Amino acid sequence: MTDVHPDALVVLHAFGPYFRGQLLTDPAVIAAILGGGNASLVVRTRLPQPSPVQAE
Protein backbone atom coordinates (compact mmCIF):
# COMPACT_ATOMS: atom_id res chain seq x y z
CA MET A 1 0.00 0.00 0.00
CA THR A 2 1.38 3.41 -0.95
CA ASP A 3 1.65 6.04 1.76
CA VAL A 4 -0.19 9.07 0.41
CA HIS A 5 0.65 11.26 3.41
CA PRO A 6 4.30 10.89 4.41
CA ASP A 7 5.54 12.21 7.74
CA ALA A 8 8.41 14.01 6.01
CA LEU A 9 10.31 14.54 2.80
CA VAL A 10 14.07 14.40 2.33
CA VAL A 11 15.47 16.65 -0.40
CA LEU A 12 17.59 14.69 -2.90
CA HIS A 13 18.50 17.62 -5.18
CA ALA A 14 18.55 21.27 -4.10
CA PHE A 15 15.74 23.47 -5.41
CA GLY A 16 14.21 26.78 -4.34
CA PRO A 17 15.06 27.45 -0.69
CA TYR A 18 15.74 23.76 0.07
CA PHE A 19 19.17 22.12 0.22
CA ARG A 20 20.21 18.52 -0.38
CA GLY A 21 19.61 16.38 2.71
CA GLN A 22 17.12 18.75 4.30
CA LEU A 23 14.23 17.12 6.19
CA LEU A 24 10.89 18.79 5.50
CA THR A 25 8.08 18.12 7.99
CA ASP A 26 5.61 21.00 7.47
CA PRO A 27 2.40 19.44 6.02
CA ALA A 28 1.72 22.51 3.87
CA VAL A 29 5.24 22.41 2.38
CA ILE A 30 4.97 18.65 1.77
CA ALA A 31 1.63 19.06 -0.02
CA ALA A 32 2.94 21.92 -2.16
CA ILE A 33 6.04 19.98 -3.23
CA LEU A 34 4.22 16.73 -3.97
CA GLY A 35 1.55 18.62 -5.90
CA GLY A 36 4.07 20.65 -7.89
CA GLY A 37 6.88 20.06 -10.32
CA ASN A 38 9.54 19.25 -7.70
CA ALA A 39 8.17 15.92 -6.45
CA SER A 40 10.95 14.05 -8.25
CA LEU A 41 13.57 15.95 -6.24
CA VAL A 42 12.46 14.53 -2.86
CA VAL A 43 11.85 11.15 -1.28
CA ARG A 44 8.96 10.38 1.06
CA THR A 45 9.82 9.02 4.49
CA ARG A 46 8.23 8.11 7.78
CA LEU A 47 9.62 9.48 11.03
CA PRO A 48 10.48 6.92 13.71
CA GLN A 49 7.98 6.64 16.52
CA PRO A 50 9.44 7.19 20.01
CA SER A 51 9.65 4.12 22.18
CA PRO A 52 7.28 4.15 25.14
CA VAL A 53 8.95 4.78 28.47
CA GLN A 54 8.38 1.98 30.96
CA ALA A 55 7.73 2.91 34.58
CA GLU A 56 10.02 1.31 37.11
PDB file of N, CA and C in Angstrom:
ATOM      1  N   MET A   1       0.841  -1.179   0.000  1.00  0.00           N
ATOM      2  CA  MET A   1       0.000   0.000   0.000  1.00  0.00           C
ATOM      3  C   MET A   1       0.885   1.242   0.000  1.00  0.00           C
ATOM      4  N   THR A   2       0.582   2.194  -0.836  1.00  0.00           N
ATOM      5  CA  THR A   2       1.381   3.410  -0.949  1.00  0.00           C
ATOM      6  C   THR A   2       0.953   4.420   0.098  1.00  0.00           C
ATOM      7  N   ASP A   3       1.930   5.025   0.749  1.00  0.00           N
ATOM      8  CA  ASP A   3       1.648   6.037   1.760  1.00  0.00           C
ATOM      9  C   ASP A   3       1.401   7.368   1.057  1.00  0.00           C
ATOM     10  N   VAL A   4       0.166   7.836   1.087  1.00  0.00           N
ATOM     11  CA  VAL A   4      -0.193   9.073   0.410  1.00  0.00           C
ATOM     12  C   VAL A   4       0.241  10.284   1.223  1.00  0.00           C
ATOM     13  N   HIS A   5       0.311  10.149   2.524  1.00  0.00           N
ATOM     14  CA  HIS A   5       0.647  11.261   3.412  1.00  0.00           C
ATOM     15  C   HIS A   5       1.902  10.929   4.226  1.00  0.00           C
ATOM     16  N   PRO A   6       3.069  11.191   3.667  1.00  0.00           N
ATOM     17  CA  PRO A   6       4.298  10.889   4.407  1.00  0.00           C
ATOM     18  C   PRO A   6       4.466  11.819   5.602  1.00  0.00           C
ATOM     19  N   ASP A   7       5.230  11.370   6.580  1.00  0.00           N
ATOM     20  CA  ASP A   7       5.543  12.209   7.740  1.00  0.00           C
ATOM     21  C   ASP A   7       6.503  13.324   7.351  1.00  0.00           C
ATOM     22  N   ALA A   8       7.371  13.048   6.377  1.00  0.00           N
ATOM     23  CA  ALA A   8       8.411  14.008   6.012  1.00  0.00           C
ATOM     24  C   ALA A   8       8.907  13.729   4.602  1.00  0.00           C
ATOM     25  N   LEU A   9       9.621  14.699   4.067  1.00  0.00           N
ATOM     26  CA  LEU A   9      10.307  14.542   2.795  1.00  0.00           C
ATOM     27  C   LEU A   9      11.784  14.826   3.032  1.00  0.00           C
ATOM     28  N   VAL A  10      12.643  14.122   2.319  1.00  0.00           N
ATOM     29  CA  VAL A  10      14.075  14.401   2.334  1.00  0.00           C
ATOM     30  C   VAL A  10      14.436  14.906   0.942  1.00  0.00           C
ATOM     31  N   VAL A  11      15.101  16.036   0.880  1.00  0.00           N
ATOM     32  CA  VAL A  11      15.473  16.648  -0.397  1.00  0.00           C
ATOM     33  C   VAL A  11      16.676  15.907  -0.981  1.00  0.00           C
ATOM     34  N   LEU A  12      16.513  15.405  -2.215  1.00  0.00           N
ATOM     35  CA  LEU A  12      17.588  14.694  -2.899  1.00  0.00           C
ATOM     36  C   LEU A  12      18.442  15.631  -3.742  1.00  0.00           C
ATOM     37  N   HIS A  13      17.815  16.640  -4.338  1.00  0.00           N
ATOM     38  CA  HIS A  13      18.505  17.615  -5.183  1.00  0.00           C
ATOM     39  C   HIS A  13      18.007  18.998  -4.785  1.00  0.00           C
ATOM     40  N   ALA A  14      18.916  19.920  -4.534  1.00  0.00           N
ATOM     41  CA  ALA A  14      18.550  21.272  -4.095  1.00  0.00           C
ATOM     42  C   ALA A  14      17.627  21.941  -5.107  1.00  0.00           C
ATOM     43  N   PHE A  15      16.639  22.657  -4.587  1.00  0.00           N
ATOM     44  CA  PHE A  15      15.735  23.465  -5.406  1.00  0.00           C
ATOM     45  C   PHE A  15      15.124  24.532  -4.513  1.00  0.00           C
ATOM     46  N   GLY A  16      14.796  25.684  -5.117  1.00  0.00           N
ATOM     47  CA  GLY A  16      14.208  26.778  -4.344  1.00  0.00           C
ATOM     48  C   GLY A  16      15.023  27.051  -3.090  1.00  0.00           C
ATOM     49  N   PRO A  17      14.343  27.174  -1.935  1.00  0.00           N
ATOM     50  CA  PRO A  17      15.061  27.451  -0.686  1.00  0.00           C
ATOM     51  C   PRO A  17      15.580  26.189   0.021  1.00  0.00           C
ATOM     52  N   TYR A  18      15.409  25.023  -0.589  1.00  0.00           N
ATOM     53  CA  TYR A  18      15.736  23.763   0.074  1.00  0.00           C
ATOM     54  C   TYR A  18      17.087  23.221  -0.395  1.00  0.00           C
ATOM     55  N   PHE A  19      17.853  22.666   0.536  1.00  0.00           N
ATOM     56  CA  PHE A  19      19.167  22.124   0.218  1.00  0.00           C
ATOM     57  C   PHE A  19      19.156  20.598   0.314  1.00  0.00           C
ATOM     58  N   ARG A  20      20.099  19.982  -0.370  1.00  0.00           N
ATOM     59  CA  ARG A  20      20.206  18.524  -0.376  1.00  0.00           C
ATOM     60  C   ARG A  20      20.349  18.002   1.046  1.00  0.00           C
ATOM     61  N   GLY A  21      19.558  16.991   1.387  1.00  0.00           N
ATOM     62  CA  GLY A  21      19.615  16.376   2.710  1.00  0.00           C
ATOM     63  C   GLY A  21      18.670  16.991   3.715  1.00  0.00           C
ATOM     64  N   GLN A  22      18.018  18.083   3.360  1.00  0.00           N
ATOM     65  CA  GLN A  22      17.117  18.754   4.298  1.00  0.00           C
ATOM     66  C   GLN A  22      15.881  17.900   4.540  1.00  0.00           C
ATOM     67  N   LEU A  23      15.424  17.845   5.792  1.00  0.00           N
ATOM     68  CA  LEU A  23      14.232  17.122   6.189  1.00  0.00           C
ATOM     69  C   LEU A  23      13.088  18.120   6.284  1.00  0.00           C
ATOM     70  N   LEU A  24      12.039  17.900   5.514  1.00  0.00           N
ATOM     71  CA  LEU A  24      10.888  18.794   5.495  1.00  0.00           C
ATOM     72  C   LEU A  24       9.715  18.099   6.187  1.00  0.00           C
ATOM     73  N   THR A  25       9.149  18.748   7.224  1.00  0.00           N
ATOM     74  CA  THR A  25       8.077  18.123   7.985  1.00  0.00           C
ATOM     75  C   THR A  25       6.787  18.942   8.012  1.00  0.00           C
ATOM     76  N   ASP A  26       6.801  20.149   7.482  1.00  0.00           N
ATOM     77  CA  ASP A  26       5.606  21.000   7.470  1.00  0.00           C
ATOM     78  C   ASP A  26       4.598  20.424   6.473  1.00  0.00           C
ATOM     79  N   PRO A  27       3.392  20.034   6.924  1.00  0.00           N
ATOM     80  CA  PRO A  27       2.404  19.436   6.023  1.00  0.00           C
ATOM     81  C   PRO A  27       2.064  20.309   4.816  1.00  0.00           C
ATOM     82  N   ALA A  28       2.029  21.618   4.985  1.00  0.00           N
ATOM     83  CA  ALA A  28       1.721  22.509   3.866  1.00  0.00           C
ATOM     84  C   ALA A  28       2.840  22.496   2.832  1.00  0.00           C
ATOM     85  N   VAL A  29       4.086  22.473   3.278  1.00  0.00           N
ATOM     86  CA  VAL A  29       5.238  22.412   2.376  1.00  0.00           C
ATOM     87  C   VAL A  29       5.252  21.066   1.650  1.00  0.00           C
ATOM     88  N   ILE A  30       5.001  19.981   2.371  1.00  0.00           N
ATOM     89  CA  ILE A  30       4.970  18.647   1.771  1.00  0.00           C
ATOM     90  C   ILE A  30       3.910  18.596   0.674  1.00  0.00           C
ATOM     91  N   ALA A  31       2.718  19.076   0.963  1.00  0.00           N
ATOM     92  CA  ALA A  31       1.631  19.059  -0.021  1.00  0.00           C
ATOM     93  C   ALA A  31       1.981  19.890  -1.242  1.00  0.00           C
ATOM     94  N   ALA A  32       2.578  21.049  -1.040  1.00  0.00           N
ATOM     95  CA  ALA A  32       2.937  21.919  -2.158  1.00  0.00           C
ATOM     96  C   ALA A  32       3.995  21.269  -3.051  1.00  0.00           C
ATOM     97  N   ILE A  33       4.980  20.619  -2.444  1.00  0.00           N
ATOM     98  CA  ILE A  33       6.042  19.983  -3.229  1.00  0.00           C
ATOM     99  C   ILE A  33       5.500  18.779  -3.990  1.00  0.00           C
ATOM    100  N   LEU A  34       4.737  17.928  -3.308  1.00  0.00           N
ATOM    101  CA  LEU A  34       4.220  16.732  -3.965  1.00  0.00           C
ATOM    102  C   LEU A  34       3.198  17.077  -5.042  1.00  0.00           C
ATOM    103  N   GLY A  35       2.526  18.200  -4.906  1.00  0.00           N
ATOM    104  CA  GLY A  35       1.551  18.623  -5.898  1.00  0.00           C
ATOM    105  C   GLY A  35       2.138  19.461  -7.008  1.00  0.00           C
ATOM    106  N   GLY A  36       3.416  19.787  -6.906  1.00  0.00           N
ATOM    107  CA  GLY A  36       4.068  20.646  -7.895  1.00  0.00           C
ATOM    108  C   GLY A  36       5.063  19.888  -8.743  1.00  0.00           C
ATOM    109  N   GLY A  37       5.912  20.636  -9.398  1.00  0.00           N
ATOM    110  CA  GLY A  37       6.876  20.059 -10.321  1.00  0.00           C
ATOM    111  C   GLY A  37       8.159  19.556  -9.688  1.00  0.00           C
ATOM    112  N   ASN A  38       8.290  19.650  -8.356  1.00  0.00           N
ATOM    113  CA  ASN A  38       9.538  19.247  -7.704  1.00  0.00           C
ATOM    114  C   ASN A  38       9.437  17.920  -6.955  1.00  0.00           C
ATOM    115  N   ALA A  39       8.355  17.189  -7.163  1.00  0.00           N
ATOM    116  CA  ALA A  39       8.165  15.923  -6.448  1.00  0.00           C
ATOM    117  C   ALA A  39       9.279  14.915  -6.737  1.00  0.00           C
ATOM    118  N   SER A  40       9.888  14.999  -7.913  1.00  0.00           N
ATOM    119  CA  SER A  40      10.952  14.054  -8.254  1.00  0.00           C
ATOM    120  C   SER A  40      12.275  14.389  -7.575  1.00  0.00           C
ATOM    121  N   LEU A  41      12.334  15.517  -6.903  1.00  0.00           N
ATOM    122  CA  LEU A  41      13.571  15.951  -6.240  1.00  0.00           C
ATOM    123  C   LEU A  41      13.598  15.598  -4.754  1.00  0.00           C
ATOM    124  N   VAL A  42      12.559  14.907  -4.273  1.00  0.00           N
ATOM    125  CA  VAL A  42      12.464  14.533  -2.860  1.00  0.00           C
ATOM    126  C   VAL A  42      12.096  13.066  -2.750  1.00  0.00           C
ATOM    127  N   VAL A  43      12.284  12.512  -1.573  1.00  0.00           N
ATOM    128  CA  VAL A  43      11.852  11.151  -1.281  1.00  0.00           C
ATOM    129  C   VAL A  43      10.960  11.211  -0.042  1.00  0.00           C
ATOM    130  N   ARG A  44       9.892  10.443  -0.072  1.00  0.00           N
ATOM    131  CA  ARG A  44       8.959  10.380   1.062  1.00  0.00           C
ATOM    132  C   ARG A  44       9.548   9.477   2.136  1.00  0.00           C
ATOM    133  N   THR A  45       9.304   9.835   3.388  1.00  0.00           N
ATOM    134  CA  THR A  45       9.821   9.024   4.486  1.00  0.00           C
ATOM    135  C   THR A  45       8.872   9.088   5.672  1.00  0.00           C
ATOM    136  N   ARG A  46       8.996   8.138   6.538  1.00  0.00           N
ATOM    137  CA  ARG A  46       8.233   8.114   7.785  1.00  0.00           C
ATOM    138  C   ARG A  46       9.205   8.398   8.919  1.00  0.00           C
ATOM    139  N   LEU A  47       8.779   9.187   9.875  1.00  0.00           N
ATOM    140  CA  LEU A  47       9.615   9.478  11.033  1.00  0.00           C
ATOM    141  C   LEU A  47       9.477   8.352  12.044  1.00  0.00           C
ATOM    142  N   PRO A  48      10.566   7.986  12.720  1.00  0.00           N
ATOM    143  CA  PRO A  48      10.476   6.915  13.713  1.00  0.00           C
ATOM    144  C   PRO A  48       9.588   7.333  14.879  1.00  0.00           C
ATOM    145  N   GLN A  49       8.833   6.393  15.369  1.00  0.00           N
ATOM    146  CA  GLN A  49       7.982   6.643  16.519  1.00  0.00           C
ATOM    147  C   GLN A  49       8.814   6.447  17.786  1.00  0.00           C
ATOM    148  N   PRO A  50       8.662   7.352  18.767  1.00  0.00           N
ATOM    149  CA  PRO A  50       9.439   7.195  20.007  1.00  0.00           C
ATOM    150  C   PRO A  50       9.007   5.939  20.751  1.00  0.00           C
ATOM    151  N   SER A  51       9.954   5.297  21.387  1.00  0.00           N
ATOM    152  CA  SER A  51       9.647   4.121  22.182  1.00  0.00           C
ATOM    153  C   SER A  51       8.959   4.539  23.469  1.00  0.00           C
ATOM    154  N   PRO A  52       7.951   3.803  23.877  1.00  0.00           N
ATOM    155  CA  PRO A  52       7.281   4.151  25.140  1.00  0.00           C
ATOM    156  C   PRO A  52       8.220   3.965  26.318  1.00  0.00           C
ATOM    157  N   VAL A  53       8.129   4.851  27.266  1.00  0.00           N
ATOM    158  CA  VAL A  53       8.953   4.782  28.471  1.00  0.00           C
ATOM    159  C   VAL A  53       8.240   3.879  29.466  1.00  0.00           C
ATOM    160  N   GLN A  54       8.971   2.894  29.992  1.00  0.00           N
ATOM    161  CA  GLN A  54       8.382   1.979  30.960  1.00  0.00           C
ATOM    162  C   GLN A  54       8.640   2.494  32.370  1.00  0.00           C
ATOM    163  N   ALA A  55       7.594   2.483  33.186  1.00  0.00           N
ATOM    164  CA  ALA A  55       7.725   2.906  34.576  1.00  0.00           C
ATOM    165  C   ALA A  55       8.460   1.832  35.357  1.00  0.00           C
ATOM    166  N   GLU A  56       9.272   2.275  36.296  1.00  0.00           N
ATOM    167  CA  GLU A  56      10.024   1.307  37.115  1.00  0.00           C
ATOM    168  C   GLU A  56       9.294   1.004  38.369  1.00  0.00           C
TER     169      GLU A  56
END
